[in-house]
Amino acid sequence: MINLKFNTKIYKKKAIEKTISAYSHLAKFKSENNKSYVKVKIDCIESTVKDVLADEFSNYALGMMVKCL
């Protein structure tokens, strides 16, 4: 399982949701929101992307921020 935290001062919830949708074919995702962070839990990760998924997911979320501005 991978746990990621995205600071809500930097990342919009919509960008994280779009990232989860784009990556949903590679793993199971669960997000939780609080005032300071969007927490994303990633489980059942496809073995071919297990080593890079966290970094690629984070990069994609950052890219989605540009589209969500």
Protein backbone atom coordinates (compact mmCIF):
# COMPACT_ATOMS: atom_id res chain seq x y z
CA MET A 1 0.00 0.00 0.00
CA ILE A 2 1.14 3.54 -0.80
CA ASN A 3 -0.02 6.59 1.16
CA LEU A 4 0.32 10.05 -0.33
CA LYS A 5 -0.60 13.46 1.11
CA PHE A 6 -1.32 16.52 -1.01
CA ASN A 7 -1.38 19.90 0.73
CA THR A 8 -4.65 21.70 -0.01
CA LYS A 9 -2.83 25.04 -0.14
CA ILE A 10 -1.05 23.73 -3.24
CA TYR A 11 -3.32 21.07 -4.76
CA LYS A 12 -6.99 21.37 -5.61
CA LYS A 13 -9.23 18.43 -4.81
CA LYS A 14 -10.45 18.40 -8.40
CA ALA A 15 -6.90 17.82 -9.68
CA ILE A 16 -6.46 14.84 -7.36
CA GLU A 17 -9.83 13.40 -8.39
CA LYS A 18 -8.92 13.67 -12.08
CA THR A 19 -5.59 12.00 -11.39
CA ILE A 20 -7.30 9.13 -9.57
CA SER A 21 -9.64 8.71 -12.53
CA ALA A 22 -6.73 8.64 -15.00
CA TYR A 23 -4.82 6.02 -12.98
CA SER A 24 -7.77 3.90 -11.86
CA HIS A 25 -6.91 1.11 -14.29
CA LEU A 26 -3.57 0.54 -12.50
CA ALA A 27 -4.65 0.29 -8.85
CA LYS A 28 -7.41 0.88 -6.30
CA PHE A 29 -7.54 4.38 -4.87
CA LYS A 30 -9.23 5.85 -1.81
CA SER A 31 -9.07 9.54 -0.98
CA GLU A 32 -9.80 11.32 2.28
CA ASN A 33 -10.07 15.06 2.69
CA ASN A 34 -9.41 17.23 5.68
CA LYS A 35 -8.69 20.92 6.03
CA SER A 36 -4.96 20.67 5.31
CA TYR A 37 -4.50 17.62 3.07
CA VAL A 38 -6.04 15.29 0.56
CA LYS A 39 -4.79 11.85 1.53
CA VAL A 40 -4.66 9.17 -1.15
CA LYS A 41 -4.30 5.49 -0.34
CA ILE A 42 -3.21 3.28 -3.24
CA ASP A 43 -3.63 -0.48 -3.03
CA CYS A 44 -3.78 -3.51 -5.34
CA ILE A 45 -1.17 -1.94 -7.60
CA GLU A 46 -0.43 -3.59 -10.93
CA SER A 47 3.01 -5.18 -10.62
CA THR A 48 4.41 -3.56 -13.77
CA VAL A 49 4.05 -0.04 -12.32
CA LYS A 50 4.50 -0.67 -8.59
CA ASP A 51 7.95 0.94 -8.39
CA VAL A 52 6.99 4.14 -10.22
CA LEU A 53 3.32 4.67 -9.48
CA ALA A 54 3.70 7.06 -6.53
CA ASP A 55 6.05 9.38 -8.42
CA GLU A 56 4.08 9.26 -11.66
CA PHE A 57 0.79 9.84 -9.83
CA SER A 58 2.24 12.87 -8.04
CA ASN A 59 3.66 14.30 -11.27
CA TYR A 60 0.34 13.85 -13.04
CA ALA A 61 -1.50 15.56 -10.16
CA LEU A 62 0.87 18.51 -10.44
CA GLY A 63 0.21 18.70 -14.17
CA MET A 64 -3.53 18.61 -13.54
CA MET A 65 -3.16 21.68 -11.34
CA VAL A 66 -2.25 23.70 -14.43
CA LYS A 67 -5.48 22.57 -16.12
CA CYS A 68 -7.58 23.26 -13.01
CA LEU A 69 -6.42 26.86 -12.49
